[in-house]
Amino acid sequence: MGETYDGDIPAVAQGDPAAKERVERAAVERLAGCLPEGAGRELRGVWEEYEACRTPEAKLVKALDKAETILQHNQGQNPSGFDYEFNLGYGAEWFRADEMLQRLRGLLDSDTLRHLEK
């Protein structure tokens, strides 16, 4: 939701997390403003839950968001010299609390390591 208007900042190019959060918060506010008051409040609440990772669901979605980025890096067309090593640390903390996510992370890291061996 936070990337609706300005798009996603590539993971390897993300700088100041506070600046990214401000841009995304503004997008969510803009979206919420298009909705009836109750729905807008609910939209803000869901986004806040995701950003704060307060619930198991939010933590799962955060991990899957990181996994999707790594998949793009591993399966997409990247410029020569792309830093695949970046993948090995990217979002790793979101995969630690759940066995299924740990297995997923192992598969992603194995795929990344194949790219590094080339």
PDB file of N, CA and C in Angstrom:
ATOM      1  N   MET A   1       0.825  -1.200   0.000  1.00  0.00           N
ATOM      2  CA  MET A   1       0.000   0.000   0.000  1.00  0.00           C
ATOM      3  C   MET A   1       0.862   1.253   0.000  1.00  0.00           C
ATOM      4  N   GLY A   2       1.968   1.184   0.701  1.00  0.00           N
ATOM      5  CA  GLY A   2       2.837   2.349   0.799  1.00  0.00           C
ATOM      6  C   GLY A   2       3.591   2.649  -0.479  1.00  0.00           C
ATOM      7  N   GLU A   3       3.555   1.721  -1.426  1.00  0.00           N
ATOM      8  CA  GLU A   3       4.279   1.896  -2.682  1.00  0.00           C
ATOM      9  C   GLU A   3       3.341   2.249  -3.836  1.00  0.00           C
ATOM     10  N   THR A   4       2.084   2.516  -3.515  1.00  0.00           N
ATOM     11  CA  THR A   4       1.057   2.740  -4.527  1.00  0.00           C
ATOM     12  C   THR A   4       1.387   3.880  -5.473  1.00  0.00           C
ATOM     13  N   TYR A   5       1.843   4.990  -4.972  1.00  0.00           N
ATOM     14  CA  TYR A   5       2.032   6.180  -5.803  1.00  0.00           C
ATOM     15  C   TYR A   5       3.467   6.362  -6.285  1.00  0.00           C
ATOM     16  N   ASP A   6       4.429   6.066  -5.459  1.00  0.00           N
ATOM     17  CA  ASP A   6       5.826   6.316  -5.814  1.00  0.00           C
ATOM     18  C   ASP A   6       6.584   5.054  -6.188  1.00  0.00           C
ATOM     19  N   GLY A   7       5.936   3.900  -6.115  1.00  0.00           N
ATOM     20  CA  GLY A   7       6.594   2.648  -6.460  1.00  0.00           C
ATOM     21  C   GLY A   7       7.508   2.168  -5.351  1.00  0.00           C
ATOM     22  N   ASP A   8       8.165   1.077  -5.642  1.00  0.00           N
ATOM     23  CA  ASP A   8       9.061   0.459  -4.676  1.00  0.00           C
ATOM     24  C   ASP A   8      10.477   0.950  -4.920  1.00  0.00           C
ATOM     25  N   ILE A   9      11.191   1.207  -3.852  1.00  0.00           N
ATOM     26  CA  ILE A   9      12.599   1.553  -3.949  1.00  0.00           C
ATOM     27  C   ILE A   9      13.358   0.227  -3.956  1.00  0.00           C
ATOM     28  N   PRO A  10      14.200  -0.008  -4.962  1.00  0.00           N
ATOM     29  CA  PRO A  10      14.938  -1.282  -4.972  1.00  0.00           C
ATOM     30  C   PRO A  10      15.673  -1.496  -3.651  1.00  0.00           C
ATOM     31  N   ALA A  11      15.660  -2.737  -3.180  1.00  0.00           N
ATOM     32  CA  ALA A  11      16.251  -3.052  -1.877  1.00  0.00           C
ATOM     33  C   ALA A  11      17.706  -2.620  -1.794  1.00  0.00           C
ATOM     34  N   VAL A  12      18.449  -2.806  -2.875  1.00  0.00           N
ATOM     35  CA  VAL A  12      19.870  -2.454  -2.849  1.00  0.00           C
ATOM     36  C   VAL A  12      20.093  -0.950  -2.860  1.00  0.00           C
ATOM     37  N   ALA A  13      19.045  -0.172  -3.134  1.00  0.00           N
ATOM     38  CA  ALA A  13      19.169   1.283  -3.205  1.00  0.00           C
ATOM     39  C   ALA A  13      18.512   1.997  -2.021  1.00  0.00           C
ATOM     40  N   GLN A  14      17.926   1.244  -1.114  1.00  0.00           N
ATOM     41  CA  GLN A  14      17.238   1.878   0.012  1.00  0.00           C
ATOM     42  C   GLN A  14      18.249   2.526   0.936  1.00  0.00           C
ATOM     43  N   GLY A  15      18.005   3.759   1.237  1.00  0.00           N
ATOM     44  CA  GLY A  15      18.899   4.492   2.123  1.00  0.00           C
ATOM     45  C   GLY A  15      18.280   4.660   3.494  1.00  0.00           C
ATOM     46  N   ASP A  16      17.798   5.842   3.759  1.00  0.00           N
ATOM     47  CA  ASP A  16      17.248   6.216   5.054  1.00  0.00           C
ATOM     48  C   ASP A  16      15.884   5.554   5.279  1.00  0.00           C
ATOM     49  N   PRO A  17      15.796   4.600   6.222  1.00  0.00           N
ATOM     50  CA  PRO A  17      14.507   3.944   6.482  1.00  0.00           C
ATOM     51  C   PRO A  17      13.415   4.921   6.917  1.00  0.00           C
ATOM     52  N   ALA A  18      13.792   5.976   7.630  1.00  0.00           N
ATOM     53  CA  ALA A  18      12.792   6.954   8.080  1.00  0.00           C
ATOM     54  C   ALA A  18      12.196   7.698   6.892  1.00  0.00           C
ATOM     55  N   ALA A  19      13.009   8.014   5.895  1.00  0.00           N
ATOM     56  CA  ALA A  19      12.510   8.699   4.709  1.00  0.00           C
ATOM     57  C   ALA A  19      11.563   7.795   3.925  1.00  0.00           C
ATOM     58  N   LYS A  20      11.937   6.523   3.791  1.00  0.00           N
ATOM     59  CA  LYS A  20      11.073   5.559   3.106  1.00  0.00           C
ATOM     60  C   LYS A  20       9.737   5.433   3.836  1.00  0.00           C
ATOM     61  N   GLU A  21       9.799   5.368   5.155  1.00  0.00           N
ATOM     62  CA  GLU A  21       8.574   5.252   5.959  1.00  0.00           C
ATOM     63  C   GLU A  21       7.687   6.485   5.781  1.00  0.00           C
ATOM     64  N   ARG A  22       8.279   7.674   5.718  1.00  0.00           N
ATOM     65  CA  ARG A  22       7.484   8.901   5.525  1.00  0.00           C
ATOM     66  C   ARG A  22       6.763   8.884   4.173  1.00  0.00           C
ATOM     67  N   VAL A  23       7.460   8.472   3.128  1.00  0.00           N
ATOM     68  CA  VAL A  23       6.863   8.418   1.794  1.00  0.00           C
ATOM     69  C   VAL A  23       5.723   7.403   1.769  1.00  0.00           C
ATOM     70  N   GLU A  24       5.967   6.245   2.368  1.00  0.00           N
ATOM     71  CA  GLU A  24       4.932   5.210   2.375  1.00  0.00           C
ATOM     72  C   GLU A  24       3.749   5.604   3.252  1.00  0.00           C
ATOM     73  N   ARG A  25       4.014   6.235   4.375  1.00  0.00           N
ATOM     74  CA  ARG A  25       2.921   6.694   5.236  1.00  0.00           C
ATOM     75  C   ARG A  25       2.042   7.707   4.491  1.00  0.00           C
ATOM     76  N   ALA A  26       2.672   8.603   3.751  1.00  0.00           N
ATOM     77  CA  ALA A  26       1.915   9.599   2.982  1.00  0.00           C
ATOM     78  C   ALA A  26       1.033   8.902   1.945  1.00  0.00           C
ATOM     79  N   ALA A  27       1.544   7.839   1.317  1.00  0.00           N
ATOM     80  CA  ALA A  27       0.742   7.097   0.337  1.00  0.00           C
ATOM     81  C   ALA A  27      -0.456   6.434   1.007  1.00  0.00           C
ATOM     82  N   VAL A  28      -0.234   5.844   2.164  1.00  0.00           N
ATOM     83  CA  VAL A  28      -1.326   5.191   2.887  1.00  0.00           C
ATOM     84  C   VAL A  28      -2.370   6.225   3.307  1.00  0.00           C
ATOM     85  N   GLU A  29      -1.916   7.371   3.769  1.00  0.00           N
ATOM     86  CA  GLU A  29      -2.862   8.442   4.139  1.00  0.00           C
ATOM     87  C   GLU A  29      -3.673   8.886   2.931  1.00  0.00           C
ATOM     88  N   ARG A  30      -3.003   9.005   1.801  1.00  0.00           N
ATOM     89  CA  ARG A  30      -3.698   9.407   0.579  1.00  0.00           C
ATOM     90  C   ARG A  30      -4.745   8.364   0.182  1.00  0.00           C
ATOM     91  N   LEU A  31      -4.365   7.092   0.245  1.00  0.00           N
ATOM     92  CA  LEU A  31      -5.314   6.017  -0.058  1.00  0.00           C
ATOM     93  C   LEU A  31      -6.481   6.017   0.927  1.00  0.00           C
ATOM     94  N   ALA A  32      -6.153   6.140   2.201  1.00  0.00           N
ATOM     95  CA  ALA A  32      -7.191   6.130   3.242  1.00  0.00           C
ATOM     96  C   ALA A  32      -8.164   7.284   3.053  1.00  0.00           C
ATOM     97  N   GLY A  33      -7.664   8.407   2.558  1.00  0.00           N
ATOM     98  CA  GLY A  33      -8.514   9.567   2.319  1.00  0.00           C
ATOM     99  C   GLY A  33      -9.534   9.356   1.221  1.00  0.00           C
ATOM    100  N   CYS A  34      -9.324   8.366   0.387  1.00  0.00           N
ATOM    101  CA  CYS A  34     -10.263   8.053  -0.699  1.00  0.00           C
ATOM    102  C   CYS A  34     -11.405   7.151  -0.232  1.00  0.00           C
ATOM    103  N   LEU A  35     -11.295   6.659   0.978  1.00  0.00           N
ATOM    104  CA  LEU A  35     -12.254   5.690   1.495  1.00  0.00           C
ATOM    105  C   LEU A  35     -13.181   6.326   2.522  1.00  0.00           C
ATOM    106  N   PRO A  36     -14.315   5.682   2.782  1.00  0.00           N
ATOM    107  CA  PRO A  36     -15.148   6.125   3.902  1.00  0.00           C
ATOM    108  C   PRO A  36     -14.315   6.077   5.189  1.00  0.00           C
ATOM    109  N   GLU A  37     -14.672   6.883   6.160  1.00  0.00           N
ATOM    110  CA  GLU A  37     -13.859   7.048   7.366  1.00  0.00           C
ATOM    111  C   GLU A  37     -13.469   5.732   8.038  1.00  0.00           C
ATOM    112  N   GLY A  38     -14.431   4.840   8.238  1.00  0.00           N
ATOM    113  CA  GLY A  38     -14.140   3.567   8.909  1.00  0.00           C
ATOM    114  C   GLY A  38     -13.175   2.706   8.118  1.00  0.00           C
ATOM    115  N   ALA A  39     -13.369   2.645   6.815  1.00  0.00           N
ATOM    116  CA  ALA A  39     -12.479   1.847   5.966  1.00  0.00           C
ATOM    117  C   ALA A  39     -11.085   2.466   5.926  1.00  0.00           C
ATOM    118  N   GLY A  40     -11.020   3.778   5.913  1.00  0.00           N
ATOM    119  CA  GLY A  40      -9.726   4.454   5.940  1.00  0.00           C
ATOM    120  C   GLY A  40      -8.964   4.170   7.226  1.00  0.00           C
ATOM    121  N   ARG A  41      -9.681   4.176   8.325  1.00  0.00           N
ATOM    122  CA  ARG A  41      -9.074   3.845   9.627  1.00  0.00           C
ATOM    123  C   ARG A  41      -8.551   2.410   9.629  1.00  0.00           C
ATOM    124  N   GLU A  42      -9.354   1.513   9.073  1.00  0.00           N
ATOM    125  CA  GLU A  42      -8.940   0.102   9.012  1.00  0.00           C
ATOM    126  C   GLU A  42      -7.702  -0.067   8.129  1.00  0.00           C
ATOM    127  N   LEU A  43      -7.671   0.616   7.001  1.00  0.00           N
ATOM    128  CA  LEU A  43      -6.513   0.555   6.113  1.00  0.00           C
ATOM    129  C   LEU A  43      -5.251   1.041   6.835  1.00  0.00           C
ATOM    130  N   ARG A  44      -5.362   2.175   7.510  1.00  0.00           N
ATOM    131  CA  ARG A  44      -4.217   2.683   8.280  1.00  0.00           C
ATOM    132  C   ARG A  44      -3.777   1.670   9.331  1.00  0.00           C
ATOM    133  N   GLY A  45      -4.735   1.056   9.999  1.00  0.00           N
ATOM    134  CA  GLY A  45      -4.428   0.085  11.040  1.00  0.00           C
ATOM    135  C   GLY A  45      -3.689  -1.131  10.509  1.00  0.00           C
ATOM    136  N   VAL A  46      -4.118  -1.631   9.360  1.00  0.00           N
ATOM    137  CA  VAL A  46      -3.453  -2.788   8.756  1.00  0.00           C
ATOM    138  C   VAL A  46      -2.025  -2.420   8.371  1.00  0.00           C
ATOM    139  N   TRP A  47      -1.849  -1.238   7.799  1.00  0.00           N
ATOM    140  CA  TRP A  47      -0.506  -0.813   7.406  1.00  0.00           C
ATOM    141  C   TRP A  47       0.385  -0.628   8.636  1.00  0.00           C
ATOM    142  N   GLU A  48      -0.156  -0.017   9.678  1.00  0.00           N
ATOM    143  CA  GLU A  48       0.615   0.171  10.915  1.00  0.00           C
ATOM    144  C   GLU A  48       1.017  -1.183  11.509  1.00  0.00           C
ATOM    145  N   GLU A  49       0.086  -2.130  11.479  1.00  0.00           N
ATOM    146  CA  GLU A  49       0.374  -3.478  11.992  1.00  0.00           C
ATOM    147  C   GLU A  49       1.525  -4.107  11.212  1.00  0.00           C
ATOM    148  N   TYR A  50       1.498  -3.959   9.891  1.00  0.00           N
ATOM    149  CA  TYR A  50       2.570  -4.500   9.049  1.00  0.00           C
ATOM    150  C   TYR A  50       3.897  -3.798   9.358  1.00  0.00           C
ATOM    151  N   GLU A  51       3.879  -2.495   9.409  1.00  0.00           N
ATOM    152  CA  GLU A  51       5.111  -1.740   9.653  1.00  0.00           C
ATOM    153  C   GLU A  51       5.729  -2.080  11.004  1.00  0.00           C
ATOM    154  N   ALA A  52       4.905  -2.233  12.022  1.00  0.00           N
ATOM    155  CA  ALA A  52       5.399  -2.504  13.373  1.00  0.00           C
ATOM    156  C   ALA A  52       5.651  -3.992  13.613  1.00  0.00           C
ATOM    157  N   CYS A  53       5.149  -4.832  12.716  1.00  0.00           N
ATOM    158  CA  CYS A  53       5.268  -6.292  12.876  1.00  0.00           C
ATOM    159  C   CYS A  53       4.785  -6.734  14.258  1.00  0.00           C
ATOM    160  N   ARG A  54       3.600  -6.276  14.611  1.00  0.00           N
ATOM    161  CA  ARG A  54       3.041  -6.564  15.936  1.00  0.00           C
ATOM    162  C   ARG A  54       2.367  -7.920  16.037  1.00  0.00           C
ATOM    163  N   THR A  55       2.061  -8.532  14.908  1.00  0.00           N
ATOM    164  CA  THR A  55       1.305  -9.780  14.940  1.00  0.00           C
ATOM    165  C   THR A  55       2.047 -10.856  14.142  1.00  0.00           C
ATOM    166  N   PRO A  56       1.719 -12.113  14.394  1.00  0.00           N
ATOM    167  CA  PRO A  56       2.330 -13.182  13.587  1.00  0.00           C
ATOM    168  C   PRO A  56       2.045 -13.010  12.089  1.00  0.00           C
ATOM    169  N   GLU A  57       0.858 -12.539  11.773  1.00  0.00           N
ATOM    170  CA  GLU A  57       0.504 -12.334  10.368  1.00  0.00           C
ATOM    171  C   GLU A  57       1.383 -11.257   9.727  1.00  0.00           C
ATOM    172  N   ALA A  58       1.590 -10.181  10.445  1.00  0.00           N
ATOM    173  CA  ALA A  58       2.430  -9.101   9.917  1.00  0.00           C
ATOM    174  C   ALA A  58       3.870  -9.578   9.730  1.00  0.00           C
ATOM    175  N   LYS A  59       4.346 -10.375  10.664  1.00  0.00           N
ATOM    176  CA  LYS A  59       5.713 -10.916  10.549  1.00  0.00           C
ATOM    177  C   LYS A  59       5.837 -11.846   9.349  1.00  0.00           C
ATOM    178  N   LEU A  60       4.819 -12.643   9.113  1.00  0.00           N
ATOM    179  CA  LEU A  60       4.816 -13.533   7.952  1.00  0.00           C
ATOM    180  C   LEU A  60       4.838 -12.720   6.659  1.00  0.00           C
ATOM    181  N   VAL A  61       3.985 -11.717   6.578  1.00  0.00           N
ATOM    182  CA  VAL A  61       3.928 -10.890   5.374  1.00  0.00           C
ATOM    183  C   VAL A  61       5.254 -10.165   5.158  1.00  0.00           C
ATOM    184  N   LYS A  62       5.881  -9.692   6.224  1.00  0.00           N
ATOM    185  CA  LYS A  62       7.184  -9.020   6.119  1.00  0.00           C
ATOM    186  C   LYS A  62       8.220  -9.988   5.557  1.00  0.00           C
ATOM    187  N   ALA A  63       8.250 -11.220   6.059  1.00  0.00           N
ATOM    188  CA  ALA A  63       9.202 -12.215   5.560  1.00  0.00           C
ATOM    189  C   ALA A  63       8.931 -12.525   4.093  1.00  0.00           C
ATOM    190  N   LEU A  64       7.666 -12.673   3.721  1.00  0.00           N
ATOM    191  CA  LEU A  64       7.336 -12.981   2.333  1.00  0.00           C
ATOM    192  C   LEU A  64       7.674 -11.821   1.403  1.00  0.00           C
ATOM    193  N   ASP A  65       7.553 -10.602   1.892  1.00  0.00           N
ATOM    194  CA  ASP A  65       7.957  -9.436   1.113  1.00  0.00           C
ATOM    195  C   ASP A  65       9.459  -9.485   0.830  1.00  0.00           C
ATOM    196  N   LYS A  66      10.237  -9.840   1.836  1.00  0.00           N
ATOM    197  CA  LYS A  66      11.694  -9.960   1.657  1.00  0.00           C
ATOM    198  C   LYS A  66      12.016 -11.124   0.717  1.00  0.00           C
ATOM    199  N   ALA A  67      11.284 -12.233   0.865  1.00  0.00           N
ATOM    200  CA  ALA A  67      11.498 -13.395  -0.001  1.00  0.00           C
ATOM    201  C   ALA A  67      11.231 -13.033  -1.459  1.00  0.00           C
ATOM    202  N   GLU A  68      10.192 -12.266  -1.694  1.00  0.00           N
ATOM    203  CA  GLU A  68       9.846 -11.866  -3.063  1.00  0.00           C
ATOM    204  C   GLU A  68      10.973 -11.035  -3.681  1.00  0.00           C
ATOM    205  N   THR A  69      11.585 -10.175  -2.904  1.00  0.00           N
ATOM    206  CA  THR A  69      12.711  -9.374  -3.405  1.00  0.00           C
ATOM    207  C   THR A  69      13.873 -10.286  -3.792  1.00  0.00           C
ATOM    208  N   ILE A  70      14.192 -11.239  -2.930  1.00  0.00           N
ATOM    209  CA  ILE A  70      15.299 -12.157  -3.208  1.00  0.00           C
ATOM    210  C   ILE A  70      14.992 -12.994  -4.451  1.00  0.00           C
ATOM    211  N   LEU A  71      13.745 -13.429  -4.581  1.00  0.00           N
ATOM    212  CA  LEU A  71      13.352 -14.173  -5.784  1.00  0.00           C
ATOM    213  C   LEU A  71      13.549 -13.335  -7.045  1.00  0.00           C
ATOM    214  N   GLN A  72      13.171 -12.074  -6.980  1.00  0.00           N
ATOM    215  CA  GLN A  72      13.384 -11.195  -8.135  1.00  0.00           C
ATOM    216  C   GLN A  72      14.862 -11.109  -8.470  1.00  0.00           C
ATOM    217  N   HIS A  73      15.693 -10.954  -7.447  1.00  0.00           N
ATOM    218  CA  HIS A  73      17.135 -10.876  -7.683  1.00  0.00           C
ATOM    219  C   HIS A  73      17.668 -12.167  -8.293  1.00  0.00           C
ATOM    220  N   ASN A  74      17.197 -13.299  -7.811  1.00  0.00           N
ATOM    221  CA  ASN A  74      17.722 -14.584  -8.265  1.00  0.00           C
ATOM    222  C   ASN A  74      17.165 -15.016  -9.616  1.00  0.00           C
ATOM    223  N   GLN A  75      15.971 -14.564  -9.954  1.00  0.00           N
ATOM    224  CA  GLN A  75      15.345 -15.026 -11.187  1.00  0.00           C
ATOM    225  C   GLN A  75      15.269 -13.962 -12.273  1.00  0.00           C
ATOM    226  N   GLY A  76      15.491 -12.719 -11.901  1.00  0.00           N
ATOM    227  CA  GLY A  76      15.374 -11.632 -12.866  1.00  0.00           C
ATOM    228  C   GLY A  76      16.650 -11.402 -13.655  1.00  0.00           C
ATOM    229  N   GLN A  77      16.576 -10.465 -14.552  1.00  0.00           N
ATOM    230  CA  GLN A  77      17.748 -10.058 -15.329  1.00  0.00           C
ATOM    231  C   GLN A  77      18.392  -8.892 -14.592  1.00  0.00           C
ATOM    232  N   ASN A  78      19.575  -9.126 -14.100  1.00  0.00           N
ATOM    233  CA  ASN A  78      20.290  -8.111 -13.336  1.00  0.00           C
ATOM    234  C   ASN A  78      21.483  -7.605 -14.143  1.00  0.00           C
ATOM    235  N   PRO A  79      21.930  -6.406 -13.820  1.00  0.00           N
ATOM    236  CA  PRO A  79      23.116  -5.901 -14.518  1.00  0.00           C
ATOM    237  C   PRO A  79      24.334  -6.757 -14.188  1.00  0.00           C
ATOM    238  N   SER A  80      25.310  -6.761 -15.076  1.00  0.00           N
ATOM    239  CA  SER A  80      26.527  -7.523 -14.794  1.00  0.00           C
ATOM    240  C   SER A  80      27.151  -6.965 -13.521  1.00  0.00           C
ATOM    241  N   GLY A  81      27.719  -7.849 -12.744  1.00  0.00           N
ATOM    242  CA  GLY A  81      28.316  -7.432 -11.485  1.00  0.00           C
ATOM    243  C   GLY A  81      27.313  -7.235 -10.362  1.00  0.00           C
ATOM    244  N   PHE A  82      26.057  -7.677 -10.572  1.00  0.00           N
ATOM    245  CA  PHE A  82      25.040  -7.525  -9.523  1.00  0.00           C
ATOM    246  C   PHE A  82      25.531  -8.176  -8.231  1.00  0.00           C
ATOM    247  N   ASP A  83      25.282  -7.522  -7.119  1.00  0.00           N
ATOM    248  CA  ASP A  83      25.757  -7.982  -5.814  1.00  0.00           C
ATOM    249  C   ASP A  83      24.792  -9.003  -5.214  1.00  0.00           C
ATOM    250  N   TYR A  84      24.911 -10.258  -5.643  1.00  0.00           N
ATOM    251  CA  TYR A  84      24.048 -11.311  -5.115  1.00  0.00           C
ATOM    252  C   TYR A  84      24.302 -11.546  -3.630  1.00  0.00           C
ATOM    253  N   GLU A  85      25.477 -11.218  -3.160  1.00  0.00           N
ATOM    254  CA  GLU A  85      25.787 -11.400  -1.741  1.00  0.00           C
ATOM    255  C   GLU A  85      24.824 -10.597  -0.858  1.00  0.00           C
ATOM    256  N   PHE A  86      24.314  -9.507  -1.395  1.00  0.00           N
ATOM    257  CA  PHE A  86      23.319  -8.692  -0.692  1.00  0.00           C
ATOM    258  C   PHE A  86      22.157  -9.558  -0.201  1.00  0.00           C
ATOM    259  N   ASN A  87      21.729 -10.514  -1.044  1.00  0.00           N
ATOM    260  CA  ASN A  87      20.591 -11.377  -0.706  1.00  0.00           C
ATOM    261  C   ASN A  87      20.797 -12.147   0.597  1.00  0.00           C
ATOM    262  N   LEU A  88      22.037 -12.535   0.861  1.00  0.00           N
ATOM    263  CA  LEU A  88      22.301 -13.424   1.991  1.00  0.00           C
ATOM    264  C   LEU A  88      21.992 -12.780   3.340  1.00  0.00           C
ATOM    265  N   GLY A  89      22.045 -11.485   3.421  1.00  0.00           N
ATOM    266  CA  GLY A  89      21.711 -10.811   4.670  1.00  0.00           C
ATOM    267  C   GLY A  89      20.371 -10.112   4.646  1.00  0.00           C
ATOM    268  N   TYR A  90      19.844  -9.882   3.441  1.00  0.00           N
ATOM    269  CA  TYR A  90      18.638  -9.075   3.301  1.00  0.00           C
ATOM    270  C   TYR A  90      17.442  -9.702   4.007  1.00  0.00           C
ATOM    271  N   GLY A  91      16.921  -9.006   5.004  1.00  0.00           N
ATOM    272  CA  GLY A  91      15.710  -9.438   5.694  1.00  0.00           C
ATOM    273  C   GLY A  91      15.827 -10.724   6.487  1.00  0.00           C
ATOM    274  N   ALA A  92      17.046 -11.198   6.716  1.00  0.00           N
ATOM    275  CA  ALA A  92      17.234 -12.506   7.357  1.00  0.00           C
ATOM    276  C   ALA A  92      16.523 -12.611   8.703  1.00  0.00           C
ATOM    277  N   GLU A  93      16.451 -11.528   9.440  1.00  0.00           N
ATOM    278  CA  GLU A  93      15.841 -11.581  10.774  1.00  0.00           C
ATOM    279  C   GLU A  93      14.361 -11.965  10.738  1.00  0.00           C
ATOM    280  N   TRP A  94      13.687 -11.746   9.611  1.00  0.00           N
ATOM    281  CA  TRP A  94      12.248 -12.033   9.535  1.00  0.00           C
ATOM    282  C   TRP A  94      11.952 -13.505   9.325  1.00  0.00           C
ATOM    283  N   PHE A  95      12.972 -14.306   9.073  1.00  0.00           N
ATOM    284  CA  PHE A  95      12.790 -15.732   8.796  1.00  0.00           C
ATOM    285  C   PHE A  95      13.126 -16.613   9.998  1.00  0.00           C
ATOM    286  N   ARG A  96      13.650 -16.051  11.056  1.00  0.00           N
ATOM    287  CA  ARG A  96      14.203 -16.847  12.154  1.00  0.00           C
ATOM    288  C   ARG A  96      13.159 -17.472  13.085  1.00  0.00           C
ATOM    289  N   ALA A  97      12.012 -16.874  13.221  1.00  0.00           N
ATOM    290  CA  ALA A  97      11.068 -17.291  14.260  1.00  0.00           C
ATOM    291  C   ALA A  97      10.143 -18.431  13.838  1.00  0.00           C
ATOM    292  N   ASP A  98      10.233 -18.867  12.602  1.00  0.00           N
ATOM    293  CA  ASP A  98       9.280 -19.851  12.116  1.00  0.00           C
ATOM    294  C   ASP A  98      10.018 -20.908  11.296  1.00  0.00           C
ATOM    295  N   GLU A  99       9.755 -22.173  11.574  1.00  0.00           N
ATOM    296  CA  GLU A  99      10.453 -23.269  10.897  1.00  0.00           C
ATOM    297  C   GLU A  99      10.219 -23.266   9.390  1.00  0.00           C
ATOM    298  N   MET A 100       8.985 -23.039   8.977  1.00  0.00           N
ATOM    299  CA  MET A 100       8.686 -23.009   7.550  1.00  0.00           C
ATOM    300  C   MET A 100       9.456 -21.875   6.869  1.00  0.00           C
ATOM    301  N   LEU A 101       9.489 -20.715   7.502  1.00  0.00           N
ATOM    302  CA  LEU A 101      10.219 -19.588   6.927  1.00  0.00           C
ATOM    303  C   LEU A 101      11.718 -19.835   6.918  1.00  0.00           C
ATOM    304  N   GLN A 102      12.220 -20.547   7.902  1.00  0.00           N
ATOM    305  CA  GLN A 102      13.643 -20.904   7.909  1.00  0.00           C
ATOM    306  C   GLN A 102      13.971 -21.809   6.723  1.00  0.00           C
ATOM    307  N   ARG A 103      13.084 -22.755   6.427  1.00  0.00           N
ATOM    308  CA  ARG A 103      13.300 -23.634   5.267  1.00  0.00           C
ATOM    309  C   ARG A 103      13.259 -22.833   3.967  1.00  0.00           C
ATOM    310  N   LEU A 104      12.287 -21.919   3.884  1.00  0.00           N
ATOM    311  CA  LEU A 104      12.198 -21.059   2.706  1.00  0.00           C
ATOM    312  C   LEU A 104      13.485 -20.250   2.551  1.00  0.00           C
ATOM    313  N   ARG A 105      13.961 -19.691   3.646  1.00  0.00           N
ATOM    314  CA  ARG A 105      15.187 -18.892   3.590  1.00  0.00           C
ATOM    315  C   ARG A 105      16.374 -19.748   3.146  1.00  0.00           C
ATOM    316  N   GLY A 106      16.420 -20.987   3.602  1.00  0.00           N
ATOM    317  CA  GLY A 106      17.487 -21.882   3.170  1.00  0.00           C
ATOM    318  C   GLY A 106      17.469 -22.100   1.669  1.00  0.00           C
ATOM    319  N   LEU A 107      16.289 -22.270   1.091  1.00  0.00           N
ATOM    320  CA  LEU A 107      16.168 -22.438  -0.359  1.00  0.00           C
ATOM    321  C   LEU A 107      16.598 -21.176  -1.102  1.00  0.00           C
ATOM    322  N   LEU A 108      16.164 -20.030  -0.590  1.00  0.00           N
ATOM    323  CA  LEU A 108      16.544 -18.758  -1.220  1.00  0.00           C
ATOM    324  C   LEU A 108      18.055 -18.547  -1.160  1.00  0.00           C
ATOM    325  N   ASP A 109      18.642 -18.847   0.002  1.00  0.00           N
ATOM    326  CA  ASP A 109      20.089 -18.672   0.154  1.00  0.00           C
ATOM    327  C   ASP A 109      20.846 -19.647  -0.741  1.00  0.00           C
ATOM    328  N   SER A 110      20.359 -20.877  -0.872  1.00  0.00           N
ATOM    329  CA  SER A 110      21.001 -21.856  -1.765  1.00  0.00           C
ATOM    330  C   SER A 110      20.990 -21.354  -3.205  1.00  0.00           C
ATOM    331  N   ASP A 111      19.858 -20.801  -3.615  1.00  0.00           N
ATOM    332  CA  ASP A 111      19.753 -20.256  -4.973  1.00  0.00           C
ATOM    333  C   ASP A 111      20.710 -19.076  -5.149  1.00  0.00           C
ATOM    334  N   THR A 112      20.799 -18.228  -4.158  1.00  0.00           N
ATOM    335  CA  THR A 112      21.722 -17.090  -4.202  1.00  0.00           C
ATOM    336  C   THR A 112      23.154 -17.579  -4.310  1.00  0.00           C
ATOM    337  N   LEU A 113      23.502 -18.591  -3.527  1.00  0.00           N
ATOM    338  CA  LEU A 113      24.874 -19.114  -3.550  1.00  0.00           C
ATOM    339  C   LEU A 113      25.233 -19.672  -4.928  1.00  0.00           C
ATOM    340  N   ARG A 114      24.267 -20.258  -5.627  1.00  0.00           N
ATOM    341  CA  ARG A 114      24.529 -20.734  -6.997  1.00  0.00           C
ATOM    342  C   ARG A 114      24.923 -19.576  -7.911  1.00  0.00           C
ATOM    343  N   HIS A 115      24.277 -18.429  -7.715  1.00  0.00           N
ATOM    344  CA  HIS A 115      24.631 -17.236  -8.513  1.00  0.00           C
ATOM    345  C   HIS A 115      26.024 -16.750  -8.159  1.00  0.00           C
ATOM    346  N   LEU A 116      26.377 -16.811  -6.897  1.00  0.00           N
ATOM    347  CA  LEU A 116      27.689 -16.353  -6.469  1.00  0.00           C
ATOM    348  C   LEU A 116      28.811 -17.256  -6.986  1.00  0.00           C
ATOM    349  N   GLU A 117      28.492 -18.521  -7.206  1.00  0.00           N
ATOM    350  CA  GLU A 117      29.498 -19.472  -7.696  1.00  0.00           C
ATOM    351  C   GLU A 117      29.788 -19.297  -9.189  1.00  0.00           C
ATOM    352  N   LYS A 118      28.897 -18.630  -9.902  1.00  0.00           N
ATOM    353  CA  LYS A 118      29.070 -18.442 -11.363  1.00  0.00           C
ATOM    354  C   LYS A 118      30.195 -17.484 -11.655  1.00  0.00           C
TER     355      LYS A 118
END
